[in-house]
Amino acid sequence: MNRDHNVKRPSVVVIDDDKSVREALRGLFESVGLATETYGSVQDFRASDHPEQAGCLVVDIRLPGESGLEFQESLARNGSPRSVVLISAHADVPMSVRAMRAGAIDVLTKPVREQDLLEAVYRGIAEDGARRIEASSRAGVEARYAALTDRERQIMGLVVTGMQNKQIAAELCITEATVKLHRGNVMRKMEAHSLAALVRMADIRT
């Protein structure tokens, strides 16, 4: 592993095979208070202790071994929340379009304007944080949903469509009192304080 800088919780990770570029970018990011780590290749980064650390990745498109574009696409395929800003001295339009379609925050051409890069990185950090919060919320909803019985899940599915207790009772051939009991259990187990909250949870699961 070729680690140029060692901090516990980086906000920015730079992957570039040119050491002078790595050092320059590290200096830029640290000058504005962004903790930074740098690596010479994707392989070095993958071998690091925290490959899923939150923040933004700044990656050269053309790297030895796994390219920056291939790396970014693999993150997208695996559902990683990581934000990626790609940089290159040789980026063309098709390559840029391919990167953006795969979810890149931006594709910047070297020499990169410092302000453009900082703006892209700040945007990447914000989007990374938002995706991680969403993922955490989804995990919580899934855990609570897993605690429901089959009947409670069935009731929840009908409740969030707007069906009334009487309609649900007729649909399932059970009493309205039974529907109310199950509905109360659903609201309690899902920690939903309103029907609107329960609907949002159902939306998160879809």
N, C-alpha and C. Protein backbone atom coordinates (compact mmCIF):
# COMPACT_ATOMS: atom_id res chain seq x y z
N MET A 1 0.85 -1.19 0.00
CA MET A 1 0.00 0.00 0.00
C MET A 1 0.89 1.24 0.00
N ASN A 2 0.56 2.20 -0.85
CA ASN A 2 1.34 3.42 -0.94
C ASN A 2 0.52 4.57 -0.39
N ARG A 3 0.59 4.77 0.92
CA ARG A 3 -0.22 5.80 1.56
C ARG A 3 0.67 7.00 1.82
N ASP A 4 0.31 8.15 1.24
CA ASP A 4 1.13 9.33 1.37
C ASP A 4 0.81 10.15 2.61
N HIS A 5 -0.38 9.95 3.15
CA HIS A 5 -0.80 10.75 4.29
C HIS A 5 -1.72 9.90 5.13
N ASN A 6 -1.57 9.97 6.44
CA ASN A 6 -2.32 9.07 7.30
C ASN A 6 -3.18 9.85 8.29
N VAL A 7 -4.48 9.89 8.06
CA VAL A 7 -5.42 10.49 8.98
C VAL A 7 -6.50 9.47 9.25
N LYS A 8 -7.18 9.63 10.39
CA LYS A 8 -8.13 8.59 10.78
C LYS A 8 -9.41 8.64 9.96
N ARG A 9 -9.93 9.87 9.73
CA ARG A 9 -11.22 9.98 9.05
C ARG A 9 -11.12 11.01 7.93
N PRO A 10 -10.66 10.62 6.76
CA PRO A 10 -10.49 11.60 5.68
C PRO A 10 -11.82 12.09 5.14
N SER A 11 -11.84 13.33 4.73
CA SER A 11 -13.00 13.87 4.04
C SER A 11 -12.80 13.77 2.53
N VAL A 12 -11.53 13.76 2.10
CA VAL A 12 -11.22 13.67 0.68
C VAL A 12 -10.15 12.61 0.48
N VAL A 13 -10.32 11.79 -0.56
CA VAL A 13 -9.30 10.83 -0.96
C VAL A 13 -8.90 11.14 -2.39
N VAL A 14 -7.61 11.32 -2.62
CA VAL A 14 -7.08 11.59 -3.96
C VAL A 14 -6.39 10.33 -4.46
N ILE A 15 -6.75 9.89 -5.67
CA ILE A 15 -6.08 8.74 -6.29
C ILE A 15 -5.53 9.21 -7.63
N ASP A 16 -4.20 9.30 -7.71
CA ASP A 16 -3.53 9.77 -8.93
C ASP A 16 -2.14 9.17 -8.96
N ASP A 17 -1.71 8.70 -10.12
CA ASP A 17 -0.39 8.07 -10.19
C ASP A 17 0.74 9.08 -10.25
N ASP A 18 0.44 10.37 -10.34
CA ASP A 18 1.46 11.43 -10.37
C ASP A 18 1.60 12.00 -8.96
N LYS A 19 2.75 11.74 -8.35
CA LYS A 19 2.95 12.17 -6.96
C LYS A 19 2.84 13.67 -6.81
N SER A 20 3.33 14.43 -7.79
CA SER A 20 3.27 15.89 -7.69
C SER A 20 1.82 16.37 -7.67
N VAL A 21 0.97 15.70 -8.44
CA VAL A 21 -0.46 16.05 -8.43
C VAL A 21 -1.07 15.71 -7.08
N ARG A 22 -0.73 14.54 -6.55
CA ARG A 22 -1.25 14.14 -5.24
C ARG A 22 -0.88 15.16 -4.17
N GLU A 23 0.37 15.57 -4.17
CA GLU A 23 0.83 16.52 -3.17
C GLU A 23 0.16 17.88 -3.33
N ALA A 24 0.01 18.31 -4.58
CA ALA A 24 -0.62 19.61 -4.82
C ALA A 24 -2.08 19.61 -4.37
N LEU A 25 -2.79 18.54 -4.68
CA LEU A 25 -4.20 18.46 -4.30
C LEU A 25 -4.37 18.31 -2.79
N ARG A 26 -3.48 17.55 -2.19
CA ARG A 26 -3.54 17.44 -0.73
C ARG A 26 -3.34 18.80 -0.08
N GLY A 27 -2.38 19.57 -0.61
CA GLY A 27 -2.15 20.91 -0.08
C GLY A 27 -3.36 21.81 -0.24
N LEU A 28 -4.01 21.71 -1.41
CA LEU A 28 -5.20 22.52 -1.67
C LEU A 28 -6.31 22.18 -0.69
N PHE A 29 -6.61 20.90 -0.55
CA PHE A 29 -7.73 20.50 0.30
C PHE A 29 -7.46 20.79 1.77
N GLU A 30 -6.24 20.54 2.21
CA GLU A 30 -5.92 20.79 3.61
C GLU A 30 -5.90 22.29 3.92
N SER A 31 -5.63 23.12 2.90
CA SER A 31 -5.62 24.57 3.11
C SER A 31 -7.01 25.11 3.43
N VAL A 32 -8.04 24.35 3.06
CA VAL A 32 -9.42 24.77 3.37
C VAL A 32 -10.04 23.88 4.45
N GLY A 33 -9.19 23.14 5.16
CA GLY A 33 -9.65 22.37 6.30
C GLY A 33 -10.21 21.00 6.01
N LEU A 34 -9.94 20.47 4.81
CA LEU A 34 -10.44 19.14 4.46
C LEU A 34 -9.34 18.11 4.68
N ALA A 35 -9.55 17.20 5.63
CA ALA A 35 -8.59 16.12 5.86
C ALA A 35 -8.47 15.29 4.60
N THR A 36 -7.26 14.88 4.26
CA THR A 36 -7.02 14.26 2.96
C THR A 36 -6.07 13.08 3.05
N GLU A 37 -6.34 12.06 2.27
CA GLU A 37 -5.41 10.96 2.05
C GLU A 37 -5.17 10.83 0.56
N THR A 38 -3.97 10.38 0.20
CA THR A 38 -3.67 10.21 -1.22
C THR A 38 -3.11 8.82 -1.49
N TYR A 39 -3.41 8.31 -2.68
CA TYR A 39 -2.97 6.99 -3.11
C TYR A 39 -2.53 7.06 -4.57
N GLY A 40 -1.59 6.18 -4.93
CA GLY A 40 -1.07 6.17 -6.28
C GLY A 40 -1.84 5.31 -7.25
N SER A 41 -2.75 4.49 -6.74
CA SER A 41 -3.54 3.62 -7.61
C SER A 41 -4.81 3.20 -6.89
N VAL A 42 -5.75 2.70 -7.67
CA VAL A 42 -6.99 2.17 -7.09
C VAL A 42 -6.68 0.97 -6.20
N GLN A 43 -5.71 0.15 -6.63
CA GLN A 43 -5.34 -1.03 -5.85
C GLN A 43 -4.84 -0.63 -4.47
N ASP A 44 -4.02 0.43 -4.40
CA ASP A 44 -3.53 0.90 -3.10
C ASP A 44 -4.69 1.36 -2.22
N PHE A 45 -5.62 2.06 -2.83
CA PHE A 45 -6.77 2.53 -2.06
C PHE A 45 -7.61 1.37 -1.55
N ARG A 46 -7.85 0.38 -2.41
CA ARG A 46 -8.66 -0.77 -2.00
C ARG A 46 -8.00 -1.53 -0.85
N ALA A 47 -6.69 -1.45 -0.76
CA ALA A 47 -5.97 -2.16 0.29
C ALA A 47 -5.92 -1.37 1.60
N SER A 48 -6.48 -0.16 1.60
CA SER A 48 -6.43 0.68 2.79
C SER A 48 -7.37 0.15 3.87
N ASP A 49 -7.25 0.74 5.05
CA ASP A 49 -8.00 0.26 6.21
C ASP A 49 -9.47 0.67 6.21
N HIS A 50 -9.82 1.67 5.42
CA HIS A 50 -11.19 2.18 5.47
C HIS A 50 -11.69 2.50 4.07
N PRO A 51 -11.83 1.50 3.21
CA PRO A 51 -12.27 1.75 1.84
C PRO A 51 -13.69 2.29 1.73
N GLU A 52 -14.47 2.21 2.82
CA GLU A 52 -15.84 2.74 2.77
C GLU A 52 -15.98 4.03 3.58
N GLN A 53 -14.85 4.71 3.82
CA GLN A 53 -14.89 5.95 4.58
C GLN A 53 -15.72 7.01 3.87
N ALA A 54 -16.48 7.77 4.66
CA ALA A 54 -17.33 8.82 4.08
C ALA A 54 -16.48 9.95 3.51
N GLY A 55 -17.04 10.64 2.53
CA GLY A 55 -16.35 11.78 1.95
C GLY A 55 -16.46 11.79 0.44
N CYS A 56 -15.44 12.34 -0.22
CA CYS A 56 -15.43 12.44 -1.67
C CYS A 56 -14.11 11.92 -2.21
N LEU A 57 -14.18 11.20 -3.32
CA LEU A 57 -12.99 10.68 -3.99
C LEU A 57 -12.68 11.55 -5.19
N VAL A 58 -11.42 11.94 -5.32
CA VAL A 58 -10.94 12.66 -6.51
C VAL A 58 -9.99 11.72 -7.22
N VAL A 59 -10.38 11.26 -8.40
CA VAL A 59 -9.68 10.15 -9.05
C VAL A 59 -9.30 10.50 -10.49
N ASP A 60 -8.04 10.24 -10.84
CA ASP A 60 -7.61 10.41 -12.23
C ASP A 60 -8.28 9.33 -13.08
N ILE A 61 -8.78 9.72 -14.23
CA ILE A 61 -9.45 8.75 -15.09
C ILE A 61 -8.48 7.69 -15.58
N ARG A 62 -7.30 8.11 -16.00
CA ARG A 62 -6.32 7.17 -16.56
C ARG A 62 -5.31 6.79 -15.49
N LEU A 63 -5.42 5.56 -15.01
CA LEU A 63 -4.51 5.05 -13.98
C LEU A 63 -3.99 3.69 -14.41
N PRO A 64 -2.80 3.30 -13.94
CA PRO A 64 -2.32 1.95 -14.22
C PRO A 64 -3.21 0.93 -13.52
N GLY A 65 -3.43 -0.22 -14.15
CA GLY A 65 -4.32 -1.21 -13.56
C GLY A 65 -5.75 -0.78 -13.76
N GLU A 66 -6.53 -0.79 -12.69
CA GLU A 66 -7.93 -0.38 -12.77
C GLU A 66 -8.00 1.14 -12.98
N SER A 67 -8.65 1.56 -14.04
CA SER A 67 -8.73 2.99 -14.34
C SER A 67 -9.70 3.68 -13.39
N GLY A 68 -9.59 5.00 -13.34
CA GLY A 68 -10.51 5.76 -12.50
C GLY A 68 -11.95 5.59 -12.92
N LEU A 69 -12.18 5.54 -14.23
CA LEU A 69 -13.54 5.38 -14.74
C LEU A 69 -14.09 4.00 -14.39
N GLU A 70 -13.27 2.96 -14.54
CA GLU A 70 -13.70 1.61 -14.17
C GLU A 70 -14.01 1.52 -12.67
N PHE A 71 -13.18 2.19 -11.88
CA PHE A 71 -13.37 2.21 -10.43
C PHE A 71 -14.69 2.88 -10.08
N GLN A 72 -14.94 4.02 -10.71
CA GLN A 72 -16.18 4.76 -10.44
C GLN A 72 -17.40 3.94 -10.84
N GLU A 73 -17.31 3.25 -11.96
CA GLU A 73 -18.42 2.42 -12.42
C GLU A 73 -18.65 1.23 -11.48
N SER A 74 -17.57 0.68 -10.93
CA SER A 74 -17.72 -0.45 -10.00
C SER A 74 -18.39 0.01 -8.71
N LEU A 75 -18.08 1.22 -8.26
CA LEU A 75 -18.75 1.75 -7.07
C LEU A 75 -20.24 1.90 -7.32
N ALA A 76 -20.58 2.40 -8.51
CA ALA A 76 -22.00 2.58 -8.86
C ALA A 76 -22.72 1.24 -8.91
N ARG A 77 -22.08 0.23 -9.51
CA ARG A 77 -22.70 -1.10 -9.61
C ARG A 77 -22.96 -1.69 -8.24
N ASN A 78 -22.05 -1.44 -7.31
CA ASN A 78 -22.15 -2.03 -5.97
C ASN A 78 -23.01 -1.20 -5.02
N GLY A 79 -23.58 -0.10 -5.53
CA GLY A 79 -24.45 0.71 -4.70
C GLY A 79 -23.73 1.52 -3.63
N SER A 80 -22.45 1.80 -3.84
CA SER A 80 -21.70 2.57 -2.86
C SER A 80 -22.20 4.01 -2.81
N PRO A 81 -22.29 4.59 -1.60
CA PRO A 81 -22.72 5.99 -1.50
C PRO A 81 -21.61 6.97 -1.85
N ARG A 82 -20.41 6.48 -2.08
CA ARG A 82 -19.28 7.36 -2.30
C ARG A 82 -19.47 8.28 -3.50
N SER A 83 -19.07 9.53 -3.32
CA SER A 83 -19.08 10.49 -4.42
C SER A 83 -17.71 10.49 -5.09
N VAL A 84 -17.71 10.63 -6.42
CA VAL A 84 -16.46 10.60 -7.18
C VAL A 84 -16.39 11.81 -8.11
N VAL A 85 -15.26 12.52 -8.03
CA VAL A 85 -14.93 13.56 -9.00
C VAL A 85 -13.77 13.03 -9.82
N LEU A 86 -13.95 12.96 -11.12
CA LEU A 86 -12.90 12.44 -12.00
C LEU A 86 -12.12 13.59 -12.62
N ILE A 87 -10.80 13.42 -12.71
CA ILE A 87 -9.95 14.42 -13.35
C ILE A 87 -9.08 13.74 -14.38
N SER A 88 -8.74 14.45 -15.45
CA SER A 88 -7.91 13.86 -16.49
C SER A 88 -7.37 14.93 -17.42
N ALA A 89 -6.18 14.67 -17.93
CA ALA A 89 -5.60 15.56 -18.94
C ALA A 89 -6.10 15.19 -20.32
N HIS A 90 -6.81 14.07 -20.43
CA HIS A 90 -7.20 13.56 -21.75
C HIS A 90 -8.68 13.18 -21.82
N ALA A 91 -9.51 13.76 -20.99
CA ALA A 91 -10.93 13.41 -21.01
C ALA A 91 -11.59 13.91 -22.29
N ASP A 92 -12.33 13.02 -22.96
CA ASP A 92 -13.07 13.44 -24.14
C ASP A 92 -14.56 13.41 -23.81
N VAL A 93 -15.38 13.87 -24.74
CA VAL A 93 -16.81 13.97 -24.49
C VAL A 93 -17.45 12.61 -24.20
N PRO A 94 -17.20 11.57 -25.03
CA PRO A 94 -17.81 10.26 -24.74
C PRO A 94 -17.43 9.73 -23.35
N MET A 95 -16.17 9.92 -22.98
CA MET A 95 -15.71 9.45 -21.67
C MET A 95 -16.42 10.22 -20.55
N SER A 96 -16.56 11.52 -20.73
CA SER A 96 -17.22 12.34 -19.73
C SER A 96 -18.69 11.95 -19.58
N VAL A 97 -19.35 11.72 -20.71
CA VAL A 97 -20.75 11.31 -20.69
C VAL A 97 -20.90 9.97 -19.98
N ARG A 98 -20.01 9.04 -20.29
CA ARG A 98 -20.04 7.72 -19.64
C ARG A 98 -19.88 7.85 -18.13
N ALA A 99 -18.96 8.73 -17.71
CA ALA A 99 -18.73 8.91 -16.27
C ALA A 99 -19.93 9.54 -15.59
N MET A 100 -20.52 10.53 -16.22
CA MET A 100 -21.66 11.21 -15.61
C MET A 100 -22.87 10.27 -15.52
N ARG A 101 -23.04 9.44 -16.54
CA ARG A 101 -24.14 8.48 -16.51
C ARG A 101 -23.97 7.47 -15.38
N ALA A 102 -22.72 7.19 -15.03
CA ALA A 102 -22.45 6.24 -13.95
C ALA A 102 -22.50 6.92 -12.58
N GLY A 103 -22.76 8.23 -12.57
CA GLY A 103 -22.94 8.90 -11.29
C GLY A 103 -21.83 9.80 -10.82
N ALA A 104 -20.83 10.07 -11.67
CA ALA A 104 -19.75 10.96 -11.26
C ALA A 104 -20.30 12.35 -10.95
N ILE A 105 -19.76 12.98 -9.91
CA ILE A 105 -20.16 14.34 -9.56
C ILE A 105 -19.77 15.31 -10.67
N ASP A 106 -18.57 15.13 -11.20
CA ASP A 106 -18.09 16.00 -12.28
C ASP A 106 -16.88 15.35 -12.92
N VAL A 107 -16.56 15.79 -14.13
CA VAL A 107 -15.34 15.37 -14.83
C VAL A 107 -14.60 16.65 -15.19
N LEU A 108 -13.42 16.84 -14.60
CA LEU A 108 -12.66 18.07 -14.78
C LEU A 108 -11.37 17.80 -15.53
N THR A 109 -11.00 18.73 -16.39
CA THR A 109 -9.80 18.57 -17.21
C THR A 109 -8.60 19.24 -16.56
N LYS A 110 -7.48 18.53 -16.52
CA LYS A 110 -6.23 19.10 -16.01
C LYS A 110 -5.66 20.09 -17.02
N PRO A 111 -5.02 21.16 -16.58
CA PRO A 111 -4.92 21.60 -15.18
C PRO A 111 -6.27 22.10 -14.66
N VAL A 112 -6.63 21.62 -13.50
CA VAL A 112 -7.94 21.91 -12.93
C VAL A 112 -7.92 23.25 -12.19
N ARG A 113 -8.94 24.07 -12.44
CA ARG A 113 -9.09 25.31 -11.68
C ARG A 113 -9.44 24.95 -10.25
N GLU A 114 -8.70 25.53 -9.30
CA GLU A 114 -8.89 25.18 -7.90
C GLU A 114 -10.33 25.38 -7.45
N GLN A 115 -10.93 26.50 -7.84
CA GLN A 115 -12.29 26.78 -7.41
C GLN A 115 -13.28 25.75 -7.96
N ASP A 116 -13.09 25.36 -9.22
CA ASP A 116 -13.97 24.35 -9.81
C ASP A 116 -13.87 23.03 -9.06
N LEU A 117 -12.63 22.66 -8.71
CA LEU A 117 -12.42 21.39 -8.01
C LEU A 117 -13.01 21.44 -6.61
N LEU A 118 -12.78 22.54 -5.90
CA LEU A 118 -13.32 22.65 -4.55
C LEU A 118 -14.84 22.62 -4.55
N GLU A 119 -15.45 23.30 -5.51
CA GLU A 119 -16.91 23.29 -5.59
C GLU A 119 -17.43 21.88 -5.85
N ALA A 120 -16.76 21.15 -6.74
CA ALA A 120 -17.18 19.78 -7.04
C ALA A 120 -17.02 18.88 -5.82
N VAL A 121 -15.92 19.05 -5.09
CA VAL A 121 -15.67 18.22 -3.91
C VAL A 121 -16.67 18.53 -2.80
N TYR A 122 -16.95 19.80 -2.56
CA TYR A 122 -17.95 20.15 -1.55
C TYR A 122 -19.31 19.56 -1.91
N ARG A 123 -19.64 19.61 -3.19
CA ARG A 123 -20.91 19.03 -3.64
C ARG A 123 -20.90 17.52 -3.43
N GLY A 124 -19.75 16.90 -3.71
CA GLY A 124 -19.63 15.46 -3.53
C GLY A 124 -19.76 15.04 -2.08
N ILE A 125 -19.13 15.80 -1.18
CA ILE A 125 -19.22 15.48 0.25
C ILE A 125 -20.66 15.60 0.73
N ALA A 126 -21.36 16.64 0.26
CA ALA A 126 -22.76 16.83 0.66
C ALA A 126 -23.63 15.68 0.15
N GLU A 127 -23.43 15.29 -1.10
CA GLU A 127 -24.25 14.20 -1.67
C GLU A 127 -23.93 12.87 -1.00
N ASP A 128 -22.66 12.65 -0.68
CA ASP A 128 -22.27 11.42 0.02
C ASP A 128 -22.98 11.35 1.37
N GLY A 129 -22.96 12.47 2.10
CA GLY A 129 -23.62 12.49 3.40
C GLY A 129 -25.11 12.23 3.30
N ALA A 130 -25.74 12.84 2.30
CA ALA A 130 -27.18 12.66 2.12
C ALA A 130 -27.51 11.21 1.80
N ARG A 131 -26.68 10.58 0.95
CA ARG A 131 -26.94 9.17 0.59
C ARG A 131 -26.75 8.25 1.78
N ARG A 132 -25.77 8.55 2.63
CA ARG A 132 -25.54 7.71 3.80
C ARG A 132 -26.68 7.84 4.81
N ILE A 133 -27.21 9.04 4.97
CA ILE A 133 -28.36 9.23 5.86
C ILE A 133 -29.56 8.46 5.33
N GLU A 134 -29.76 8.55 4.01
CA GLU A 134 -30.88 7.82 3.40
C GLU A 134 -30.72 6.32 3.58
N ALA A 135 -29.47 5.83 3.39
CA ALA A 135 -29.22 4.39 3.55
C ALA A 135 -29.46 3.96 4.99
N SER A 136 -29.06 4.81 5.94
CA SER A 136 -29.27 4.49 7.35
C SER A 136 -30.76 4.45 7.67
N SER A 137 -31.51 5.41 7.11
CA SER A 137 -32.96 5.43 7.33
C SER A 137 -33.60 4.18 6.74
N ARG A 138 -33.15 3.80 5.55
CA ARG A 138 -33.71 2.61 4.91
C ARG A 138 -33.43 1.36 5.74
N ALA A 139 -32.21 1.28 6.29
CA ALA A 139 -31.85 0.12 7.10
C ALA A 139 -32.73 0.04 8.34
N GLY A 140 -33.01 1.20 8.95
CA GLY A 140 -33.87 1.22 10.12
C GLY A 140 -35.29 0.78 9.80
N VAL A 141 -35.80 1.27 8.69
CA VAL A 141 -37.15 0.90 8.26
C VAL A 141 -37.22 -0.60 7.98
N GLU A 142 -36.21 -1.13 7.29
CA GLU A 142 -36.20 -2.55 6.96
C GLU A 142 -36.15 -3.40 8.22
N ALA A 143 -35.38 -2.96 9.21
CA ALA A 143 -35.28 -3.73 10.46
C ALA A 143 -36.62 -3.76 11.18
N ARG A 144 -37.32 -2.63 11.20
CA ARG A 144 -38.63 -2.59 11.86
C ARG A 144 -39.66 -3.39 11.08
N TYR A 145 -39.58 -3.31 9.75
CA TYR A 145 -40.51 -4.06 8.90
C TYR A 145 -40.33 -5.56 9.10
N ALA A 146 -39.09 -5.98 9.31
CA ALA A 146 -38.80 -7.40 9.50
C ALA A 146 -39.45 -7.95 10.77
N ALA A 147 -39.75 -7.05 11.72
CA ALA A 147 -40.37 -7.48 12.98
C ALA A 147 -41.88 -7.66 12.86
N LEU A 148 -42.47 -7.25 11.74
CA LEU A 148 -43.91 -7.40 11.55
C LEU A 148 -44.26 -8.85 11.21
N THR A 149 -45.44 -9.26 11.63
CA THR A 149 -45.94 -10.58 11.21
C THR A 149 -46.42 -10.49 9.76
N ASP A 150 -46.66 -11.63 9.16
CA ASP A 150 -47.16 -11.63 7.78
C ASP A 150 -48.47 -10.86 7.66
N ARG A 151 -49.35 -11.06 8.62
CA ARG A 151 -50.64 -10.36 8.59
C ARG A 151 -50.44 -8.85 8.74
N GLU A 152 -49.54 -8.46 9.63
CA GLU A 152 -49.28 -7.03 9.83
C GLU A 152 -48.70 -6.40 8.57
N ARG A 153 -47.85 -7.13 7.88
CA ARG A 153 -47.31 -6.61 6.62
C ARG A 153 -48.42 -6.45 5.59
N GLN A 154 -49.32 -7.41 5.59
CA GLN A 154 -50.45 -7.35 4.66
C GLN A 154 -51.33 -6.13 4.97
N ILE A 155 -51.59 -5.92 6.24
CA ILE A 155 -52.39 -4.78 6.67
C ILE A 155 -51.69 -3.47 6.30
N MET A 156 -50.39 -3.40 6.57
CA MET A 156 -49.63 -2.19 6.25
C MET A 156 -49.72 -1.88 4.76
N GLY A 157 -49.57 -2.92 3.95
CA GLY A 157 -49.62 -2.72 2.50
C GLY A 157 -50.94 -2.13 2.04
N LEU A 158 -52.02 -2.48 2.71
CA LEU A 158 -53.33 -1.96 2.34
C LEU A 158 -53.57 -0.57 2.94
N VAL A 159 -53.08 -0.37 4.17
CA VAL A 159 -53.26 0.92 4.83
C VAL A 159 -52.60 2.05 4.03
N VAL A 160 -51.39 1.80 3.54
CA VAL A 160 -50.66 2.88 2.85
C VAL A 160 -51.25 3.19 1.48
N THR A 161 -52.16 2.36 1.00
CA THR A 161 -52.84 2.67 -0.27
C THR A 161 -54.04 3.58 -0.03
N GLY A 162 -54.35 3.82 1.25
CA GLY A 162 -55.47 4.69 1.57
C GLY A 162 -56.75 3.97 1.95
N MET A 163 -56.71 2.64 2.02
CA MET A 163 -57.92 1.89 2.37
C MET A 163 -58.30 2.11 3.83
N GLN A 164 -59.60 2.20 4.08
CA GLN A 164 -60.11 2.35 5.44
C GLN A 164 -60.20 0.98 6.12
N ASN A 165 -60.32 1.00 7.45
CA ASN A 165 -60.38 -0.25 8.22
C ASN A 165 -61.50 -1.17 7.73
N LYS A 166 -62.66 -0.57 7.46
CA LYS A 166 -63.81 -1.36 7.02
C LYS A 166 -63.53 -2.03 5.68
N GLN A 167 -62.86 -1.31 4.78
CA GLN A 167 -62.52 -1.86 3.47
C GLN A 167 -61.50 -2.98 3.60
N ILE A 168 -60.52 -2.78 4.48
CA ILE A 168 -59.49 -3.81 4.69
C ILE A 168 -60.13 -5.07 5.27
N ALA A 169 -61.05 -4.88 6.21
CA ALA A 169 -61.73 -6.03 6.83
C ALA A 169 -62.47 -6.84 5.77
N ALA A 170 -63.16 -6.15 4.87
CA ALA A 170 -63.88 -6.85 3.81
C ALA A 170 -62.92 -7.54 2.85
N GLU A 171 -61.82 -6.87 2.55
CA GLU A 171 -60.83 -7.43 1.62
C GLU A 171 -60.22 -8.72 2.17
N LEU A 172 -59.95 -8.74 3.48
CA LEU A 172 -59.26 -9.88 4.09
C LEU A 172 -60.21 -10.85 4.79
N CYS A 173 -61.50 -10.53 4.76
CA CYS A 173 -62.50 -11.39 5.41
C CYS A 173 -62.22 -11.57 6.90
N ILE A 174 -61.91 -10.45 7.56
CA ILE A 174 -61.71 -10.45 9.01
C ILE A 174 -62.54 -9.32 9.59
N THR A 175 -62.64 -9.26 10.91
CA THR A 175 -63.45 -8.21 11.52
C THR A 175 -62.71 -6.88 11.53
N GLU A 176 -63.48 -5.82 11.61
CA GLU A 176 -62.87 -4.48 11.66
C GLU A 176 -62.05 -4.31 12.93
N ALA A 177 -62.50 -4.95 14.02
CA ALA A 177 -61.75 -4.87 15.28
C ALA A 177 -60.38 -5.51 15.13
N THR A 178 -60.32 -6.61 14.38
CA THR A 178 -59.03 -7.28 14.14
C THR A 178 -58.12 -6.39 13.31
N VAL A 179 -58.69 -5.72 12.33
CA VAL A 179 -57.90 -4.79 11.51
C VAL A 179 -57.32 -3.69 12.39
N LYS A 180 -58.15 -3.12 13.27
CA LYS A 180 -57.68 -2.05 14.15
C LYS A 180 -56.54 -2.53 15.04
N LEU A 181 -56.65 -3.76 15.54
CA LEU A 181 -55.60 -4.32 16.38
C LEU A 181 -54.29 -4.44 15.61
N HIS A 182 -54.37 -5.04 14.42
CA HIS A 182 -53.16 -5.19 13.60
C HIS A 182 -52.59 -3.83 13.18
N ARG A 183 -53.48 -2.92 12.85
CA ARG A 183 -53.03 -1.59 12.42
C ARG A 183 -52.28 -0.88 13.55
N GLY A 184 -52.81 -1.02 14.77
CA GLY A 184 -52.13 -0.44 15.92
C GLY A 184 -50.75 -1.05 16.13
N ASN A 185 -50.66 -2.37 15.95
CA ASN A 185 -49.37 -3.04 16.09
C ASN A 185 -48.38 -2.56 15.02
N VAL A 186 -48.89 -2.37 13.81
CA VAL A 186 -48.04 -1.88 12.72
C VAL A 186 -47.48 -0.50 13.06
N MET A 187 -48.33 0.39 13.48
CA MET A 187 -47.90 1.75 13.81
C MET A 187 -46.87 1.74 14.94
N ARG A 188 -47.10 0.89 15.93
CA ARG A 188 -46.18 0.82 17.07
C ARG A 188 -44.84 0.23 16.66
N LYS A 189 -44.86 -0.90 15.96
CA LYS A 189 -43.61 -1.56 15.58
C LYS A 189 -42.82 -0.75 14.57
N MET A 190 -43.51 -0.05 13.68
CA MET A 190 -42.82 0.76 12.67
C MET A 190 -42.42 2.13 13.22
N GLU A 191 -42.85 2.41 14.46
CA GLU A 191 -42.56 3.71 15.10
C GLU A 191 -43.08 4.85 14.24
N ALA A 192 -44.25 4.65 13.68
CA ALA A 192 -44.90 5.67 12.85
C ALA A 192 -45.93 6.41 13.69
N HIS A 193 -45.80 7.72 13.76
CA HIS A 193 -46.71 8.51 14.59
C HIS A 193 -47.89 9.05 13.80
N SER A 194 -47.91 8.77 12.52
CA SER A 194 -49.02 9.21 11.68
C SER A 194 -49.09 8.33 10.44
N LEU A 195 -50.22 8.39 9.75
CA LEU A 195 -50.35 7.65 8.50
C LEU A 195 -49.35 8.16 7.48
N ALA A 196 -49.12 9.48 7.46
CA ALA A 196 -48.16 10.05 6.51
C ALA A 196 -46.76 9.48 6.73
N ALA A 197 -46.39 9.32 8.01
CA ALA A 197 -45.07 8.75 8.32
C ALA A 197 -44.98 7.31 7.85
N LEU A 198 -46.07 6.56 8.02
CA LEU A 198 -46.08 5.16 7.57
C LEU A 198 -45.96 5.08 6.05
N VAL A 199 -46.62 5.99 5.36
CA VAL A 199 -46.53 6.02 3.90
C VAL A 199 -45.10 6.32 3.46
N ARG A 200 -44.43 7.26 4.14
CA ARG A 200 -43.04 7.58 3.80
C ARG A 200 -42.15 6.36 4.00
N MET A 201 -42.39 5.61 5.06
CA MET A 201 -41.60 4.40 5.30
C MET A 201 -41.83 3.37 4.20
N ALA A 202 -43.06 3.24 3.77
CA ALA A 202 -43.35 2.32 2.68
C ALA A 202 -42.65 2.76 1.40
N ASP A 203 -42.60 4.07 1.18
CA ASP A 203 -41.91 4.60 -0.01
C ASP A 203 -40.42 4.31 0.05
N ILE A 204 -39.84 4.41 1.25
CA ILE A 204 -38.41 4.14 1.42
C ILE A 204 -38.08 2.71 1.02
N ARG A 205 -39.01 1.79 1.30
CA ARG A 205 -38.76 0.38 1.02
C ARG A 205 -38.87 0.06 -0.47
N THR A 206 -39.51 0.90 -1.25
CA THR A 206 -39.72 0.61 -2.67
C THR A 206 -38.60 1.19 -3.52
